[in-house]
């Protein structure tokens, strides 16, 4: 049996903050992906978590 990684559950406030930060700062980056990679570390999550 293989162990699965723990997937953190984020609060609604955290999700709202992430979406707001992305929307406010998206214009500063060449692509959505670049924005996710720059903003996610500031929130302490992965870029894929922010994207989803």
PDB file of N, CA and C in Angstrom:
ATOM      1  N   UNK A   1       0.838  -1.178   0.000  1.00  0.00           N
ATOM      2  CA  UNK A   1       0.000   0.000   0.000  1.00  0.00           C
ATOM      3  C   UNK A   1       0.888   1.248   0.000  1.00  0.00           C
ATOM      4  N   UNK A   2       0.596   2.177  -0.878  1.00  0.00           N
ATOM      5  CA  UNK A   2       1.391   3.401  -0.952  1.00  0.00           C
ATOM      6  C   UNK A   2       0.736   4.498  -0.136  1.00  0.00           C
ATOM      7  N   UNK A   3       1.578   5.334   0.426  1.00  0.00           N
ATOM      8  CA  UNK A   3       1.055   6.448   1.209  1.00  0.00           C
ATOM      9  C   UNK A   3       0.764   7.622   0.300  1.00  0.00           C
ATOM     10  N   UNK A   4      -0.321   8.290   0.562  1.00  0.00           N
ATOM     11  CA  UNK A   4      -0.688   9.473  -0.213  1.00  0.00           C
ATOM     12  C   UNK A   4      -0.205  10.709   0.513  1.00  0.00           C
ATOM     13  N   UNK A   5       0.187  11.695  -0.256  1.00  0.00           N
ATOM     14  CA  UNK A   5       0.600  12.962   0.344  1.00  0.00           C
ATOM     15  C   UNK A   5      -0.600  13.653   0.966  1.00  0.00           C
ATOM     16  N   UNK A   6      -0.349  14.365   2.027  1.00  0.00           N
ATOM     17  CA  UNK A   6      -1.400  15.152   2.668  1.00  0.00           C
ATOM     18  C   UNK A   6      -1.709  16.366   1.810  1.00  0.00           C
ATOM     19  N   UNK A   7      -2.958  16.547   1.485  1.00  0.00           N
ATOM     20  CA  UNK A   7      -3.381  17.719   0.724  1.00  0.00           C
ATOM     21  C   UNK A   7      -4.027  18.691   1.706  1.00  0.00           C
ATOM     22  N   UNK A   8      -3.396  19.847   1.901  1.00  0.00           N
ATOM     23  CA  UNK A   8      -3.964  20.787   2.865  1.00  0.00           C
ATOM     24  C   UNK A   8      -5.299  21.344   2.370  1.00  0.00           C
ATOM     25  N   UNK A   9      -6.188  21.578   3.312  1.00  0.00           N
ATOM     26  CA  UNK A   9      -7.449  22.215   2.941  1.00  0.00           C
ATOM     27  C   UNK A   9      -7.338  23.688   3.320  1.00  0.00           C
ATOM     28  N   UNK A  10      -7.677  24.529   2.397  1.00  0.00           N
ATOM     29  CA  UNK A  10      -7.536  25.959   2.597  1.00  0.00           C
ATOM     30  C   UNK A  10      -8.885  26.562   2.973  1.00  0.00           C
ATOM     31  N   UNK A  11      -8.855  27.553   3.839  1.00  0.00           N
ATOM     32  CA  UNK A  11     -10.083  28.205   4.274  1.00  0.00           C
ATOM     33  C   UNK A  11     -10.646  29.078   3.154  1.00  0.00           C
ATOM     34  N   UNK A  12     -11.898  29.418   3.282  1.00  0.00           N
ATOM     35  CA  UNK A  12     -12.550  30.279   2.289  1.00  0.00           C
ATOM     36  C   UNK A  12     -11.860  31.643   2.243  1.00  0.00           C
ATOM     37  N   UNK A  13     -11.416  32.146   3.391  1.00  0.00           N
ATOM     38  CA  UNK A  13     -10.730  33.433   3.439  1.00  0.00           C
ATOM     39  C   UNK A  13      -9.405  33.365   2.681  1.00  0.00           C
ATOM     40  N   UNK A  14      -8.694  32.252   2.842  1.00  0.00           N
ATOM     41  CA  UNK A  14      -7.421  32.069   2.146  1.00  0.00           C
ATOM     42  C   UNK A  14      -7.649  32.032   0.637  1.00  0.00           C
ATOM     43  N   UNK A  15      -8.663  31.305   0.216  1.00  0.00           N
ATOM     44  CA  UNK A  15      -8.973  31.212  -1.212  1.00  0.00           C
ATOM     45  C   UNK A  15      -9.352  32.582  -1.772  1.00  0.00           C
ATOM     46  N   UNK A  16     -10.159  33.319  -1.024  1.00  0.00           N
ATOM     47  CA  UNK A  16     -10.572  34.650  -1.459  1.00  0.00           C
ATOM     48  C   UNK A  16      -9.361  35.568  -1.592  1.00  0.00           C
ATOM     49  N   UNK A  17      -8.449  35.489  -0.639  1.00  0.00           N
ATOM     50  CA  UNK A  17      -7.237  36.314  -0.676  1.00  0.00           C
ATOM     51  C   UNK A  17      -6.383  35.967  -1.891  1.00  0.00           C
ATOM     52  N   UNK A  18      -6.237  34.667  -2.162  1.00  0.00           N
ATOM     53  CA  UNK A  18      -5.448  34.233  -3.317  1.00  0.00           C
ATOM     54  C   UNK A  18      -6.025  34.728  -4.632  1.00  0.00           C
ATOM     55  N   UNK A  19      -7.330  34.628  -4.776  1.00  0.00           N
ATOM     56  CA  UNK A  19      -7.996  35.093  -5.995  1.00  0.00           C
ATOM     57  C   UNK A  19      -7.844  36.605  -6.131  1.00  0.00           C
ATOM     58  N   UNK A  20      -8.009  37.325  -5.017  1.00  0.00           N
ATOM     59  CA  UNK A  20      -7.883  38.781  -5.057  1.00  0.00           C
ATOM     60  C   UNK A  20      -6.469  39.189  -5.442  1.00  0.00           C
ATOM     61  N   UNK A  21      -5.461  38.564  -4.833  1.00  0.00           N
ATOM     62  CA  UNK A  21      -4.070  38.888  -5.168  1.00  0.00           C
ATOM     63  C   UNK A  21      -3.772  38.600  -6.634  1.00  0.00           C
ATOM     64  N   UNK A  22      -4.271  37.471  -7.127  1.00  0.00           N
ATOM     65  CA  UNK A  22      -4.044  37.142  -8.536  1.00  0.00           C
ATOM     66  C   UNK A  22      -4.686  38.190  -9.437  1.00  0.00           C
ATOM     67  N   UNK A  23      -5.938  38.531  -9.173  1.00  0.00           N
ATOM     68  CA  UNK A  23      -6.645  39.494 -10.020  1.00  0.00           C
ATOM     69  C   UNK A  23      -6.003  40.879  -9.979  1.00  0.00           C
ATOM     70  N   UNK A  24      -5.529  41.288  -8.815  1.00  0.00           N
ATOM     71  CA  UNK A  24      -4.917  42.608  -8.681  1.00  0.00           C
ATOM     72  C   UNK A  24      -3.546  42.683  -9.344  1.00  0.00           C
ATOM     73  N   UNK A  25      -2.830  41.564  -9.407  1.00  0.00           N
ATOM     74  CA  UNK A  25      -1.448  41.594  -9.886  1.00  0.00           C
ATOM     75  C   UNK A  25      -1.233  40.923 -11.236  1.00  0.00           C
ATOM     76  N   UNK A  26      -2.256  40.377 -11.836  1.00  0.00           N
ATOM     77  CA  UNK A  26      -2.116  39.637 -13.100  1.00  0.00           C
ATOM     78  C   UNK A  26      -1.498  40.497 -14.192  1.00  0.00           C
ATOM     79  N   UNK A  27      -1.858  41.753 -14.279  1.00  0.00           N
ATOM     80  CA  UNK A  27      -1.372  42.635 -15.342  1.00  0.00           C
ATOM     81  C   UNK A  27       0.149  42.854 -15.272  1.00  0.00           C
ATOM     82  N   UNK A  28       0.757  42.591 -14.122  1.00  0.00           N
ATOM     83  CA  UNK A  28       2.190  42.793 -13.956  1.00  0.00           C
ATOM     84  C   UNK A  28       3.029  41.663 -14.558  1.00  0.00           C
ATOM     85  N   UNK A  29       2.391  40.587 -15.013  1.00  0.00           N
ATOM     86  CA  UNK A  29       3.110  39.410 -15.487  1.00  0.00           C
ATOM     87  C   UNK A  29       2.742  39.095 -16.935  1.00  0.00           C
ATOM     88  N   UNK A  30       3.642  38.425 -17.626  1.00  0.00           N
ATOM     89  CA  UNK A  30       3.449  38.114 -19.041  1.00  0.00           C
ATOM     90  C   UNK A  30       2.378  37.056 -19.279  1.00  0.00           C
ATOM     91  N   UNK A  31       2.133  36.201 -18.286  1.00  0.00           N
ATOM     92  CA  UNK A  31       1.145  35.132 -18.456  1.00  0.00           C
ATOM     93  C   UNK A  31       0.506  34.804 -17.107  1.00  0.00           C
ATOM     94  N   UNK A  32      -0.597  34.073 -17.169  1.00  0.00           N
ATOM     95  CA  UNK A  32      -1.229  33.615 -15.930  1.00  0.00           C
ATOM     96  C   UNK A  32      -0.260  32.742 -15.143  1.00  0.00           C
ATOM     97  N   UNK A  33       0.436  31.852 -15.862  1.00  0.00           N
ATOM     98  CA  UNK A  33       1.360  30.937 -15.211  1.00  0.00           C
ATOM     99  C   UNK A  33       2.467  31.679 -14.462  1.00  0.00           C
ATOM    100  N   UNK A  34       2.992  32.720 -15.058  1.00  0.00           N
ATOM    101  CA  UNK A  34       4.033  33.522 -14.402  1.00  0.00           C
ATOM    102  C   UNK A  34       3.479  34.190 -13.142  1.00  0.00           C
ATOM    103  N   UNK A  35       2.248  34.641 -13.210  1.00  0.00           N
ATOM    104  CA  UNK A  35       1.621  35.266 -12.050  1.00  0.00           C
ATOM    105  C   UNK A  35       1.431  34.248 -10.934  1.00  0.00           C
ATOM    106  N   UNK A  36       0.966  33.039 -11.279  1.00  0.00           N
ATOM    107  CA  UNK A  36       0.797  31.985 -10.258  1.00  0.00           C
ATOM    108  C   UNK A  36       2.119  31.669  -9.583  1.00  0.00           C
ATOM    109  N   UNK A  37       3.193  31.552 -10.385  1.00  0.00           N
ATOM    110  CA  UNK A  37       4.504  31.208  -9.829  1.00  0.00           C
ATOM    111  C   UNK A  37       5.043  32.309  -8.919  1.00  0.00           C
ATOM    112  N   UNK A  38       4.711  33.551  -9.192  1.00  0.00           N
ATOM    113  CA  UNK A  38       5.209  34.663  -8.378  1.00  0.00           C
ATOM    114  C   UNK A  38       4.375  34.872  -7.111  1.00  0.00           C
ATOM    115  N   UNK A  39       3.074  34.676  -7.203  1.00  0.00           N
ATOM    116  CA  UNK A  39       2.174  34.976  -6.091  1.00  0.00           C
ATOM    117  C   UNK A  39       2.081  33.831  -5.089  1.00  0.00           C
ATOM    118  N   UNK A  40       2.106  32.597  -5.556  1.00  0.00           N
ATOM    119  CA  UNK A  40       1.927  31.435  -4.684  1.00  0.00           C
ATOM    120  C   UNK A  40       2.908  31.387  -3.506  1.00  0.00           C
ATOM    121  N   UNK A  41       4.209  31.635  -3.706  1.00  0.00           N
ATOM    122  CA  UNK A  41       5.125  31.587  -2.558  1.00  0.00           C
ATOM    123  C   UNK A  41       4.794  32.629  -1.485  1.00  0.00           C
ATOM    124  N   UNK A  42       4.229  33.741  -1.889  1.00  0.00           N
ATOM    125  CA  UNK A  42       3.851  34.772  -0.927  1.00  0.00           C
ATOM    126  C   UNK A  42       2.710  34.290  -0.033  1.00  0.00           C
ATOM    127  N   UNK A  43       1.902  33.372  -0.565  1.00  0.00           N
ATOM    128  CA  UNK A  43       0.792  32.816   0.197  1.00  0.00           C
ATOM    129  C   UNK A  43       1.180  31.537   0.933  1.00  0.00           C
ATOM    130  N   UNK A  44       2.307  30.954   0.540  1.00  0.00           N
ATOM    131  CA  UNK A  44       2.746  29.718   1.171  1.00  0.00           C
ATOM    132  C   UNK A  44       2.084  28.481   0.588  1.00  0.00           C
ATOM    133  N   UNK A  45       1.747  28.539  -0.687  1.00  0.00           N
ATOM    134  CA  UNK A  45       1.154  27.379  -1.352  1.00  0.00           C
ATOM    135  C   UNK A  45       1.851  27.174  -2.681  1.00  0.00           C
ATOM    136  N   UNK A  46       1.513  26.100  -3.359  1.00  0.00           N
ATOM    137  CA  UNK A  46       2.119  25.841  -4.671  1.00  0.00           C
ATOM    138  C   UNK A  46       1.373  26.604  -5.753  1.00  0.00           C
ATOM    139  N   UNK A  47       2.035  26.875  -6.864  1.00  0.00           N
ATOM    140  CA  UNK A  47       1.345  27.563  -7.973  1.00  0.00           C
ATOM    141  C   UNK A  47       0.117  26.800  -8.461  1.00  0.00           C
ATOM    142  N   UNK A  48       0.191  25.465  -8.456  1.00  0.00           N
ATOM    143  CA  UNK A  48      -0.951  24.671  -8.901  1.00  0.00           C
ATOM    144  C   UNK A  48      -2.121  24.815  -7.931  1.00  0.00           C
ATOM    145  N   UNK A  49      -1.836  24.902  -6.642  1.00  0.00           N
ATOM    146  CA  UNK A  49      -2.913  25.106  -5.658  1.00  0.00           C
ATOM    147  C   UNK A  49      -3.584  26.454  -5.875  1.00  0.00           C
ATOM    148  N   UNK A  50      -2.803  27.462  -6.168  1.00  0.00           N
ATOM    149  CA  UNK A  50      -3.359  28.774  -6.425  1.00  0.00           C
ATOM    150  C   UNK A  50      -4.192  28.760  -7.699  1.00  0.00           C
ATOM    151  N   UNK A  51      -3.699  28.095  -8.715  1.00  0.00           N
ATOM    152  CA  UNK A  51      -4.428  28.023  -9.987  1.00  0.00           C
ATOM    153  C   UNK A  51      -5.772  27.324  -9.813  1.00  0.00           C
ATOM    154  N   UNK A  52      -5.771  26.250  -9.053  1.00  0.00           N
ATOM    155  CA  UNK A  52      -7.012  25.471  -8.873  1.00  0.00           C
ATOM    156  C   UNK A  52      -7.962  26.206  -7.966  1.00  0.00           C
TER     157      UNK A  52
END
